[in-house]
């Protein structure tokens, strides 16, 4: 289990319940794309977060682009491992966590049915196609 040197939530909820996608840019600033407040129900909701230096940070909810912000850089380590955790935040070795707009990180209550990580930015067509994969 890796501990990394710092942490920040890529996806989470703001204190008002809105879904938030985030990236950490090269000056240790968190850039956030805020979406709607998601209903609490038994209905599945598809959430897609993309990033590229050209298009910045994008947040899709149920095939609809709900937020987009300029973020031409992304702070990721090229010399040490970058760890990704689902459902809870692992504070870095030094206890720093760049929360941005995400409320206090803690355990996620709910279900994650399908998680995917791609090495490229997904297009709108890709996002729509993912919805219809069973």
N, C-alpha and C. Protein backbone atom coordinates (compact mmCIF):
# COMPACT_ATOMS: atom_id res chain seq x y z
N UNK A 1 0.85 -1.18 0.00
CA UNK A 1 0.00 0.00 0.00
C UNK A 1 0.89 1.23 0.00
N UNK A 2 0.72 2.10 -0.98
CA UNK A 2 1.52 3.32 -1.06
C UNK A 2 0.92 4.43 -0.23
N UNK A 3 1.78 5.32 0.21
CA UNK A 3 1.30 6.45 0.99
C UNK A 3 1.45 7.76 0.25
N UNK A 4 2.34 7.84 -0.75
CA UNK A 4 2.51 9.08 -1.48
C UNK A 4 3.04 10.18 -0.59
N UNK A 5 3.17 11.37 -1.15
CA UNK A 5 3.66 12.49 -0.36
C UNK A 5 2.59 13.54 -0.11
N UNK A 6 1.50 13.48 -0.84
CA UNK A 6 0.39 14.41 -0.64
C UNK A 6 -0.85 13.79 -1.25
N UNK A 7 -1.99 14.41 -1.04
CA UNK A 7 -3.22 13.87 -1.61
C UNK A 7 -4.14 14.99 -2.02
N UNK A 8 -5.04 14.68 -2.90
CA UNK A 8 -6.16 15.57 -3.20
C UNK A 8 -7.24 14.74 -3.86
N UNK A 9 -8.50 15.03 -3.56
CA UNK A 9 -9.60 14.27 -4.15
C UNK A 9 -9.84 14.72 -5.59
N UNK A 10 -9.81 13.77 -6.53
CA UNK A 10 -10.12 14.06 -7.93
C UNK A 10 -11.61 14.27 -8.13
N UNK A 11 -12.40 13.56 -7.37
CA UNK A 11 -13.85 13.60 -7.52
C UNK A 11 -14.47 13.45 -6.14
N UNK A 12 -15.45 14.27 -5.85
CA UNK A 12 -16.09 14.19 -4.54
C UNK A 12 -17.30 15.09 -4.49
N UNK A 13 -17.73 15.41 -3.30
CA UNK A 13 -18.90 16.25 -3.11
C UNK A 13 -18.54 17.50 -2.34
N UNK A 14 -19.09 18.63 -2.77
CA UNK A 14 -18.94 19.88 -2.04
C UNK A 14 -19.81 19.82 -0.79
N UNK A 15 -19.62 20.76 0.09
CA UNK A 15 -20.39 20.75 1.35
C UNK A 15 -21.89 20.89 1.11
N UNK A 16 -22.30 21.44 -0.06
CA UNK A 16 -23.72 21.57 -0.36
C UNK A 16 -24.28 20.35 -1.09
N UNK A 17 -23.44 19.34 -1.35
CA UNK A 17 -23.89 18.12 -2.01
C UNK A 17 -23.63 18.07 -3.50
N UNK A 18 -23.11 19.15 -4.08
CA UNK A 18 -22.82 19.18 -5.52
C UNK A 18 -21.62 18.28 -5.83
N UNK A 19 -21.67 17.62 -6.99
CA UNK A 19 -20.54 16.81 -7.43
C UNK A 19 -19.43 17.75 -7.91
N UNK A 20 -18.18 17.43 -7.57
CA UNK A 20 -17.04 18.27 -7.92
C UNK A 20 -15.93 17.40 -8.51
N UNK A 21 -15.42 17.79 -9.68
CA UNK A 21 -14.24 17.16 -10.28
C UNK A 21 -13.08 18.14 -10.12
N UNK A 22 -11.88 17.63 -9.87
CA UNK A 22 -10.76 18.52 -9.59
C UNK A 22 -9.46 18.00 -10.18
N UNK A 23 -8.52 18.92 -10.44
CA UNK A 23 -7.14 18.59 -10.75
C UNK A 23 -6.25 19.53 -9.96
N UNK A 24 -5.06 19.06 -9.66
CA UNK A 24 -4.06 19.87 -8.97
C UNK A 24 -3.09 20.37 -10.03
N UNK A 25 -2.98 21.69 -10.18
CA UNK A 25 -2.10 22.23 -11.22
C UNK A 25 -0.72 22.52 -10.64
N UNK A 26 0.21 22.91 -11.50
CA UNK A 26 1.62 22.92 -11.12
C UNK A 26 2.03 23.89 -10.02
N UNK A 27 1.20 24.77 -9.56
CA UNK A 27 1.56 25.64 -8.44
C UNK A 27 0.82 25.23 -7.16
N UNK A 28 0.45 23.94 -7.08
CA UNK A 28 -0.27 23.38 -5.92
C UNK A 28 -1.62 24.03 -5.68
N UNK A 29 -2.25 24.48 -6.75
CA UNK A 29 -3.59 25.04 -6.68
C UNK A 29 -4.58 24.01 -7.21
N UNK A 30 -5.69 23.84 -6.53
CA UNK A 30 -6.72 22.91 -6.99
C UNK A 30 -7.70 23.67 -7.88
N UNK A 31 -7.92 23.16 -9.09
CA UNK A 31 -8.90 23.72 -10.02
C UNK A 31 -10.11 22.80 -9.99
N UNK A 32 -11.30 23.37 -9.80
CA UNK A 32 -12.51 22.56 -9.61
C UNK A 32 -13.57 22.86 -10.66
N UNK A 33 -14.22 21.81 -11.13
CA UNK A 33 -15.39 21.92 -12.01
C UNK A 33 -16.58 21.42 -11.20
N UNK A 34 -17.52 22.31 -10.91
CA UNK A 34 -18.65 21.97 -10.05
C UNK A 34 -19.88 21.64 -10.87
N UNK A 35 -20.50 20.51 -10.56
CA UNK A 35 -21.71 20.09 -11.23
C UNK A 35 -22.92 20.29 -10.32
N UNK A 36 -24.00 19.61 -10.65
CA UNK A 36 -25.24 19.77 -9.88
C UNK A 36 -25.21 19.00 -8.57
N UNK A 37 -26.18 19.29 -7.72
CA UNK A 37 -26.42 18.48 -6.53
C UNK A 37 -27.12 17.22 -7.02
N UNK A 38 -26.55 16.08 -6.73
CA UNK A 38 -27.10 14.82 -7.24
C UNK A 38 -28.18 14.31 -6.29
N UNK A 39 -29.27 13.79 -6.85
CA UNK A 39 -30.35 13.28 -6.00
C UNK A 39 -29.92 12.00 -5.29
N UNK A 40 -30.44 11.80 -4.11
CA UNK A 40 -30.22 10.55 -3.39
C UNK A 40 -31.35 9.63 -3.81
N UNK A 41 -31.00 8.61 -4.58
CA UNK A 41 -32.03 7.69 -5.07
C UNK A 41 -31.37 6.37 -5.41
N UNK A 42 -32.17 5.42 -5.84
CA UNK A 42 -31.64 4.12 -6.24
C UNK A 42 -31.32 4.08 -7.73
N UNK A 43 -31.41 5.21 -8.41
CA UNK A 43 -31.11 5.30 -9.83
C UNK A 43 -29.62 5.51 -10.04
N UNK A 44 -29.01 4.74 -10.95
CA UNK A 44 -27.60 4.90 -11.26
C UNK A 44 -27.37 6.23 -11.94
N UNK A 45 -26.28 6.87 -11.61
CA UNK A 45 -25.89 8.13 -12.24
C UNK A 45 -24.49 7.93 -12.80
N UNK A 46 -24.31 8.28 -14.08
CA UNK A 46 -23.01 8.16 -14.71
C UNK A 46 -22.24 9.46 -14.55
N UNK A 47 -21.05 9.38 -13.99
CA UNK A 47 -20.20 10.55 -13.80
C UNK A 47 -18.89 10.29 -14.53
N UNK A 48 -18.49 11.23 -15.38
CA UNK A 48 -17.23 11.11 -16.12
C UNK A 48 -16.45 12.40 -15.93
N UNK A 49 -15.18 12.24 -15.60
CA UNK A 49 -14.27 13.38 -15.46
C UNK A 49 -13.16 13.19 -16.48
N UNK A 50 -12.87 14.24 -17.27
CA UNK A 50 -11.77 14.18 -18.23
C UNK A 50 -10.86 15.38 -18.03
N UNK A 51 -9.62 15.22 -18.49
CA UNK A 51 -8.67 16.34 -18.47
C UNK A 51 -7.74 16.21 -19.66
N UNK A 52 -7.42 17.34 -20.26
CA UNK A 52 -6.36 17.43 -21.26
C UNK A 52 -5.80 18.84 -21.21
N UNK A 53 -4.57 18.99 -21.68
CA UNK A 53 -3.97 20.32 -21.68
C UNK A 53 -4.68 21.24 -22.66
N UNK A 54 -5.35 20.68 -23.65
CA UNK A 54 -6.09 21.47 -24.64
C UNK A 54 -7.46 21.89 -24.14
N UNK A 55 -8.23 20.95 -23.61
CA UNK A 55 -9.62 21.22 -23.21
C UNK A 55 -9.80 21.46 -21.72
N UNK A 56 -8.77 21.28 -20.92
CA UNK A 56 -8.89 21.50 -19.49
C UNK A 56 -9.67 20.39 -18.80
N UNK A 57 -10.30 20.75 -17.71
CA UNK A 57 -11.05 19.81 -16.87
C UNK A 57 -12.52 19.84 -17.27
N UNK A 58 -13.09 18.67 -17.50
CA UNK A 58 -14.50 18.57 -17.88
C UNK A 58 -15.20 17.56 -16.98
N UNK A 59 -16.46 17.88 -16.66
CA UNK A 59 -17.29 17.01 -15.83
C UNK A 59 -18.59 16.73 -16.56
N UNK A 60 -18.87 15.45 -16.76
CA UNK A 60 -20.11 15.01 -17.42
C UNK A 60 -20.97 14.27 -16.39
N UNK A 61 -22.27 14.51 -16.42
CA UNK A 61 -23.22 13.77 -15.61
C UNK A 61 -24.30 13.26 -16.55
N UNK A 62 -24.46 11.94 -16.60
CA UNK A 62 -25.44 11.30 -17.49
C UNK A 62 -25.35 11.83 -18.92
N UNK A 63 -24.14 11.79 -19.48
CA UNK A 63 -23.86 12.17 -20.88
C UNK A 63 -23.97 13.65 -21.18
N UNK A 64 -24.11 14.49 -20.19
CA UNK A 64 -24.23 15.92 -20.40
C UNK A 64 -23.02 16.62 -19.79
N UNK A 65 -22.35 17.45 -20.58
CA UNK A 65 -21.25 18.25 -20.06
C UNK A 65 -21.86 19.30 -19.13
N UNK A 66 -21.57 19.21 -17.84
CA UNK A 66 -22.17 20.12 -16.86
C UNK A 66 -21.21 21.19 -16.38
N UNK A 67 -19.90 20.99 -16.59
CA UNK A 67 -18.93 21.99 -16.15
C UNK A 67 -17.62 21.77 -16.88
N UNK A 68 -16.96 22.88 -17.20
CA UNK A 68 -15.67 22.84 -17.88
C UNK A 68 -14.85 24.03 -17.42
N UNK A 69 -13.60 23.81 -17.05
CA UNK A 69 -12.73 24.90 -16.62
C UNK A 69 -11.36 24.75 -17.27
N UNK A 70 -10.70 25.88 -17.48
CA UNK A 70 -9.35 25.88 -18.04
C UNK A 70 -8.38 25.34 -17.00
N UNK A 71 -7.61 24.37 -17.40
CA UNK A 71 -6.56 23.81 -16.54
C UNK A 71 -5.54 23.17 -17.48
N UNK A 72 -4.61 23.98 -17.99
CA UNK A 72 -3.70 23.49 -19.02
C UNK A 72 -2.54 22.66 -18.47
N UNK A 73 -2.37 22.66 -17.16
CA UNK A 73 -1.32 21.85 -16.56
C UNK A 73 -1.94 20.93 -15.51
N UNK A 74 -1.21 19.90 -15.19
CA UNK A 74 -1.65 18.94 -14.18
C UNK A 74 -0.43 18.55 -13.37
N UNK A 75 -0.52 18.60 -12.06
CA UNK A 75 0.61 18.25 -11.21
C UNK A 75 0.54 16.78 -10.86
N UNK A 76 1.38 16.04 -11.48
CA UNK A 76 1.52 14.63 -11.18
C UNK A 76 3.01 14.34 -11.13
N UNK A 77 3.42 13.46 -10.32
CA UNK A 77 4.84 13.17 -10.19
C UNK A 77 5.30 12.25 -11.30
N UNK A 78 6.43 12.61 -11.91
CA UNK A 78 7.04 11.73 -12.91
C UNK A 78 8.14 10.88 -12.30
N UNK A 79 8.52 11.19 -11.06
CA UNK A 79 9.64 10.48 -10.44
C UNK A 79 9.22 9.54 -9.32
N UNK A 80 8.03 9.74 -8.77
CA UNK A 80 7.53 8.85 -7.72
C UNK A 80 6.14 8.37 -8.12
N UNK A 81 5.70 7.25 -7.59
CA UNK A 81 4.37 6.74 -7.96
C UNK A 81 3.25 7.71 -7.60
N UNK A 82 2.23 7.74 -8.46
CA UNK A 82 1.00 8.48 -8.19
C UNK A 82 -0.05 7.43 -7.82
N UNK A 83 -0.62 7.55 -6.64
CA UNK A 83 -1.60 6.57 -6.16
C UNK A 83 -3.01 7.10 -6.34
N UNK A 84 -3.90 6.22 -6.70
CA UNK A 84 -5.31 6.56 -6.86
C UNK A 84 -6.10 5.68 -5.91
N UNK A 85 -6.91 6.30 -5.06
CA UNK A 85 -7.75 5.53 -4.15
C UNK A 85 -9.21 5.82 -4.46
N UNK A 86 -10.06 4.86 -4.23
CA UNK A 86 -11.49 5.02 -4.46
C UNK A 86 -12.22 4.92 -3.13
N UNK A 87 -13.15 5.83 -2.92
CA UNK A 87 -14.01 5.73 -1.76
C UNK A 87 -13.53 6.42 -0.50
N UNK A 88 -12.26 6.76 -0.42
CA UNK A 88 -11.74 7.44 0.77
C UNK A 88 -10.41 8.08 0.42
N UNK A 89 -10.05 9.10 1.14
CA UNK A 89 -8.82 9.84 0.90
C UNK A 89 -7.72 9.30 1.81
N UNK A 90 -6.57 8.98 1.23
CA UNK A 90 -5.41 8.60 2.02
C UNK A 90 -4.53 9.83 2.14
N UNK A 91 -4.45 10.41 3.33
CA UNK A 91 -3.59 11.58 3.51
C UNK A 91 -2.16 11.22 3.19
N UNK A 92 -1.44 12.17 2.61
CA UNK A 92 -0.04 11.96 2.28
C UNK A 92 0.80 11.76 3.53
N UNK A 93 2.05 11.40 3.31
CA UNK A 93 2.98 11.15 4.41
C UNK A 93 3.03 12.30 5.39
N UNK A 94 2.97 13.53 4.84
CA UNK A 94 3.08 14.69 5.72
C UNK A 94 1.71 15.20 6.17
N UNK A 95 0.65 14.45 5.86
CA UNK A 95 -0.69 14.82 6.33
C UNK A 95 -1.37 15.89 5.50
N UNK A 96 -0.73 16.35 4.42
CA UNK A 96 -1.34 17.39 3.60
C UNK A 96 -2.38 16.79 2.67
N UNK A 97 -3.50 17.44 2.59
CA UNK A 97 -4.51 17.04 1.62
C UNK A 97 -5.11 18.31 1.04
N UNK A 98 -4.96 18.49 -0.27
CA UNK A 98 -5.48 19.67 -0.96
C UNK A 98 -6.94 19.38 -1.33
N UNK A 99 -7.88 19.76 -0.49
CA UNK A 99 -9.28 19.40 -0.69
C UNK A 99 -9.96 20.19 -1.79
N UNK A 100 -9.54 21.41 -2.05
CA UNK A 100 -10.25 22.23 -3.01
C UNK A 100 -11.67 22.45 -2.54
N UNK A 101 -12.64 22.29 -3.44
CA UNK A 101 -14.05 22.50 -3.09
C UNK A 101 -14.70 21.27 -2.46
N UNK A 102 -14.01 20.14 -2.50
CA UNK A 102 -14.57 18.93 -1.91
C UNK A 102 -14.57 19.10 -0.40
N UNK A 103 -15.74 18.83 0.21
CA UNK A 103 -15.85 18.91 1.66
C UNK A 103 -14.87 17.95 2.31
N UNK A 104 -14.84 17.94 3.59
CA UNK A 104 -13.90 17.08 4.31
C UNK A 104 -13.96 15.66 3.77
N UNK A 105 -12.84 15.17 3.20
CA UNK A 105 -12.86 13.80 2.67
C UNK A 105 -13.15 12.79 3.76
N UNK A 106 -13.81 11.76 3.39
CA UNK A 106 -14.12 10.68 4.32
C UNK A 106 -14.62 9.51 3.52
N UNK A 107 -15.00 8.45 4.17
CA UNK A 107 -15.48 7.28 3.46
C UNK A 107 -16.69 7.60 2.58
N UNK A 108 -16.71 7.01 1.39
CA UNK A 108 -17.83 7.15 0.47
C UNK A 108 -18.90 6.16 0.85
N UNK A 109 -20.14 6.62 0.92
CA UNK A 109 -21.26 5.74 1.21
C UNK A 109 -22.06 5.60 -0.07
N UNK A 110 -22.12 4.43 -0.60
CA UNK A 110 -22.83 4.20 -1.85
C UNK A 110 -22.19 3.04 -2.59
N UNK A 111 -22.40 2.98 -3.89
CA UNK A 111 -21.84 1.90 -4.70
C UNK A 111 -21.19 2.47 -5.94
N UNK A 112 -20.06 1.92 -6.30
CA UNK A 112 -19.38 2.25 -7.55
C UNK A 112 -19.45 0.99 -8.39
N UNK A 113 -20.14 1.06 -9.51
CA UNK A 113 -20.37 -0.12 -10.32
C UNK A 113 -19.27 -0.34 -11.35
N UNK A 114 -18.77 0.71 -11.95
CA UNK A 114 -17.83 0.56 -13.06
C UNK A 114 -16.85 1.73 -13.01
N UNK A 115 -15.60 1.44 -12.72
CA UNK A 115 -14.57 2.48 -12.68
C UNK A 115 -13.57 2.20 -13.80
N UNK A 116 -13.24 3.24 -14.56
CA UNK A 116 -12.27 3.09 -15.64
C UNK A 116 -11.31 4.26 -15.63
N UNK A 117 -10.06 3.98 -15.98
CA UNK A 117 -9.03 5.00 -16.08
C UNK A 117 -8.40 4.87 -17.45
N UNK A 118 -8.41 5.95 -18.22
CA UNK A 118 -7.87 5.95 -19.57
C UNK A 118 -6.61 6.80 -19.65
N UNK A 119 -5.76 6.50 -20.61
CA UNK A 119 -4.52 7.26 -20.79
C UNK A 119 -4.70 8.42 -21.76
N UNK A 120 -5.92 8.71 -22.13
CA UNK A 120 -6.22 9.82 -23.03
C UNK A 120 -7.53 10.47 -22.60
N UNK A 121 -7.77 11.67 -23.10
CA UNK A 121 -9.04 12.34 -22.82
C UNK A 121 -10.14 11.67 -23.63
N UNK A 122 -11.26 11.40 -22.99
CA UNK A 122 -12.42 10.87 -23.70
C UNK A 122 -13.15 12.01 -24.40
N UNK A 123 -13.66 11.73 -25.59
CA UNK A 123 -14.48 12.70 -26.31
C UNK A 123 -15.92 12.58 -25.85
N UNK A 124 -16.76 13.51 -26.26
CA UNK A 124 -18.18 13.43 -25.94
C UNK A 124 -18.78 12.15 -26.50
N UNK A 125 -18.34 11.75 -27.70
CA UNK A 125 -18.83 10.51 -28.30
C UNK A 125 -18.42 9.30 -27.45
N UNK A 126 -17.19 9.32 -26.94
CA UNK A 126 -16.74 8.24 -26.05
C UNK A 126 -17.61 8.16 -24.81
N UNK A 127 -17.89 9.32 -24.22
CA UNK A 127 -18.71 9.37 -23.00
C UNK A 127 -20.09 8.79 -23.27
N UNK A 128 -20.69 9.16 -24.40
CA UNK A 128 -22.02 8.63 -24.75
C UNK A 128 -21.97 7.12 -24.98
N UNK A 129 -20.91 6.64 -25.62
CA UNK A 129 -20.78 5.21 -25.88
C UNK A 129 -20.67 4.42 -24.58
N UNK A 130 -19.96 4.96 -23.60
CA UNK A 130 -19.79 4.26 -22.33
C UNK A 130 -21.11 3.98 -21.63
N UNK A 131 -22.07 4.87 -21.80
CA UNK A 131 -23.36 4.71 -21.16
C UNK A 131 -24.08 3.46 -21.65
N UNK A 132 -23.86 3.12 -22.91
CA UNK A 132 -24.60 2.02 -23.50
C UNK A 132 -23.87 0.69 -23.43
N UNK A 133 -22.70 0.67 -22.77
CA UNK A 133 -21.99 -0.58 -22.57
C UNK A 133 -22.63 -1.29 -21.38
N UNK A 134 -23.01 -2.52 -21.57
CA UNK A 134 -23.66 -3.27 -20.49
C UNK A 134 -22.69 -4.28 -19.94
